Protein backbone atom coordinates (compact mmCIF):
# COMPACT_ATOMS: atom_id res chain seq x y z
CA MET A 1 4.71 -18.27 -22.17
CA TYR A 2 2.79 -18.11 -18.77
CA TRP A 3 5.79 -17.02 -16.85
CA PHE A 4 5.98 -14.44 -19.65
CA ILE A 5 2.85 -13.64 -18.23
CA GLN A 6 2.88 -13.81 -15.09
CA ILE A 7 6.23 -11.84 -14.95
CA SER A 8 4.44 -8.91 -16.68
CA ASP A 9 1.51 -9.73 -14.04
CA PHE A 10 4.06 -8.43 -11.65
CA LEU A 11 6.27 -5.38 -13.09
CA ARG A 12 3.24 -4.11 -13.68
CA LYS A 13 1.80 -4.20 -10.14
CA TYR A 14 4.81 -3.40 -8.59
CA VAL A 15 6.25 -0.61 -10.94
CA LEU A 16 6.58 2.21 -8.51
CA THR A 17 8.12 -0.14 -5.68
CA LEU A 18 10.64 -1.53 -8.34
CA ALA A 19 11.80 2.17 -9.78
CA LEU A 20 12.43 3.06 -6.16
CA GLY A 21 13.94 0.50 -5.58
CA ILE A 22 16.41 0.90 -8.37
CA SER A 23 16.55 4.64 -8.02
CA LEU A 24 17.49 3.73 -4.00
CA LEU A 25 20.23 2.18 -4.78
CA LEU A 26 21.60 4.68 -7.76
CA TYR A 27 21.40 7.18 -5.42
CA TRP A 28 23.73 5.23 -2.96
CA ALA A 29 26.13 5.03 -5.97
CA SER A 30 25.49 8.40 -7.26
CA GLN A 31 28.00 9.37 -3.95
CA TYR A 32 31.01 7.46 -5.56
CA VAL A 33 29.89 8.73 -9.58
CA LEU A 34 30.08 12.41 -8.33
CA ARG A 35 32.82 12.00 -6.15
CA GLY A 36 34.84 10.91 -9.19
CA LEU A 37 33.90 13.86 -10.95
CA ASP A 38 33.70 16.14 -8.54
CA VAL A 39 35.90 15.30 -5.56
CA THR A 40 34.64 17.74 -3.09
CA SER A 41 31.02 16.24 -3.28
CA ALA A 42 29.32 14.70 -0.32
CA PRO A 43 26.40 11.59 -0.66
CA ILE A 44 23.84 14.17 0.69
CA ASP A 45 25.11 17.93 -1.22
CA PRO A 46 22.40 20.36 -1.92
CA GLY A 47 24.26 21.09 -5.25
CA VAL A 48 23.60 20.50 -8.80
CA LEU A 49 25.42 17.17 -9.35
CA SER A 50 23.77 15.63 -6.79
CA ALA A 51 20.35 17.29 -6.55
CA ILE A 52 19.16 15.12 -9.65
CA PRO A 53 19.05 11.52 -8.15
CA LEU A 54 17.70 13.24 -4.87
CA THR A 55 14.89 14.86 -7.28
CA VAL A 56 14.21 11.23 -9.16
CA LEU A 57 13.94 9.57 -4.90
CA ALA A 58 11.85 11.99 -4.18
CA VAL A 59 9.56 11.43 -7.25
CA LEU A 60 9.25 8.07 -6.67
CA THR A 61 8.46 7.77 -3.12
CA PHE A 62 6.07 10.26 -3.64
CA MET A 63 4.15 8.80 -6.15
CA ALA A 64 4.64 5.11 -4.37
CA LEU A 65 3.39 6.45 -1.58
CA THR A 66 0.50 7.97 -1.94
CA GLY A 67 -1.45 4.93 -3.51
CA PRO A 68 -1.51 3.13 -0.28
CA ILE A 69 -2.17 6.04 1.53
CA ILE A 70 -5.23 6.79 -0.68
CA ARG A 71 -6.78 2.89 -0.66
CA GLN A 72 -6.53 3.00 3.92
CA GLN A 73 -7.99 6.05 3.82
CA TRP A 74 -10.66 6.49 1.23
CA PRO A 75 -11.33 2.99 -0.04
CA VAL A 76 -14.56 4.57 -1.91
CA LEU A 77 -12.24 6.69 -4.17
CA ASP A 78 -10.11 3.82 -4.91
CA THR A 79 -13.59 1.86 -5.75
CA TYR A 80 -14.20 4.59 -7.93
CA GLN A 81 -10.89 4.99 -9.69
CA GLU A 82 -10.76 0.71 -9.94
CA ILE A 83 -14.17 0.47 -11.88
CA PHE A 84 -15.75 3.20 -12.57
CA PHE A 85 -13.26 6.43 -13.86
CA GLU A 86 -12.57 5.01 -16.82
CA HIS A 87 -15.76 5.46 -18.19
CA THR A 88 -16.45 8.45 -16.46
CA PHE A 89 -13.49 10.46 -17.83
CA LYS A 90 -13.94 9.29 -21.98
CA THR A 91 -17.46 11.04 -21.72
CA LEU A 92 -15.78 14.20 -21.28
CA LEU A 93 -15.25 16.54 -23.61
CA SER A 94 -11.92 17.16 -25.28
CA TRP A 95 -12.26 20.56 -22.77
CA GLN A 96 -12.52 18.79 -19.62
CA LYS A 97 -10.48 16.29 -20.21
CA VAL A 98 -7.43 18.61 -20.76
CA VAL A 99 -8.59 20.92 -17.29
CA ILE A 100 -8.49 17.51 -15.78
CA TYR A 101 -4.98 16.59 -17.14
CA LEU A 102 -3.19 19.94 -16.04
CA CYS A 103 -5.10 19.51 -12.42
CA LEU A 104 -3.82 16.40 -11.84
CA TYR A 105 0.24 17.56 -13.80
CA LEU A 106 -0.07 20.88 -11.53
CA SER A 107 -0.88 18.99 -7.98
CA LEU A 108 1.42 17.06 -9.05
CA LEU A 109 4.40 19.17 -9.43
CA PHE A 110 3.34 21.19 -6.43
CA ALA A 111 3.09 18.07 -4.66
CA PHE A 112 6.81 17.22 -5.78
CA VAL A 113 8.48 21.17 -5.75
CA ALA A 114 6.86 21.58 -1.97
CA THR A 115 8.92 17.32 -1.24
CA LEU A 116 12.03 18.72 -2.28
CA SER A 117 12.12 22.25 -1.16
CA ALA A 118 11.50 20.22 2.65
CA VAL A 119 13.94 17.97 1.58
CA LEU A 120 16.65 20.49 0.05
């Protein structure tokens, strides 16, 4: 039973890194699948079929890199997020929680679109 706890802790800690590695492998393998569906497609083709794996790869790369960058540049913000954020967030009113959710979602969406437009 102890090994199960160790595995679950490892997966919880490195979920973005594992997802990034798996998506890199899927992106590498997608060129063969795409060529089976469309013989004119290339590995890095800004077409409809290859935009989906490239999008997943860009989002996971962005998400995997922002955590360590925030920890390195603003250690106080990382400490606040680890210790105090959950309690502070639970004390907010429901409309304030919705505003925070929407702001975070829209900022991630904007960052993703900017990253995708730079890649494509």
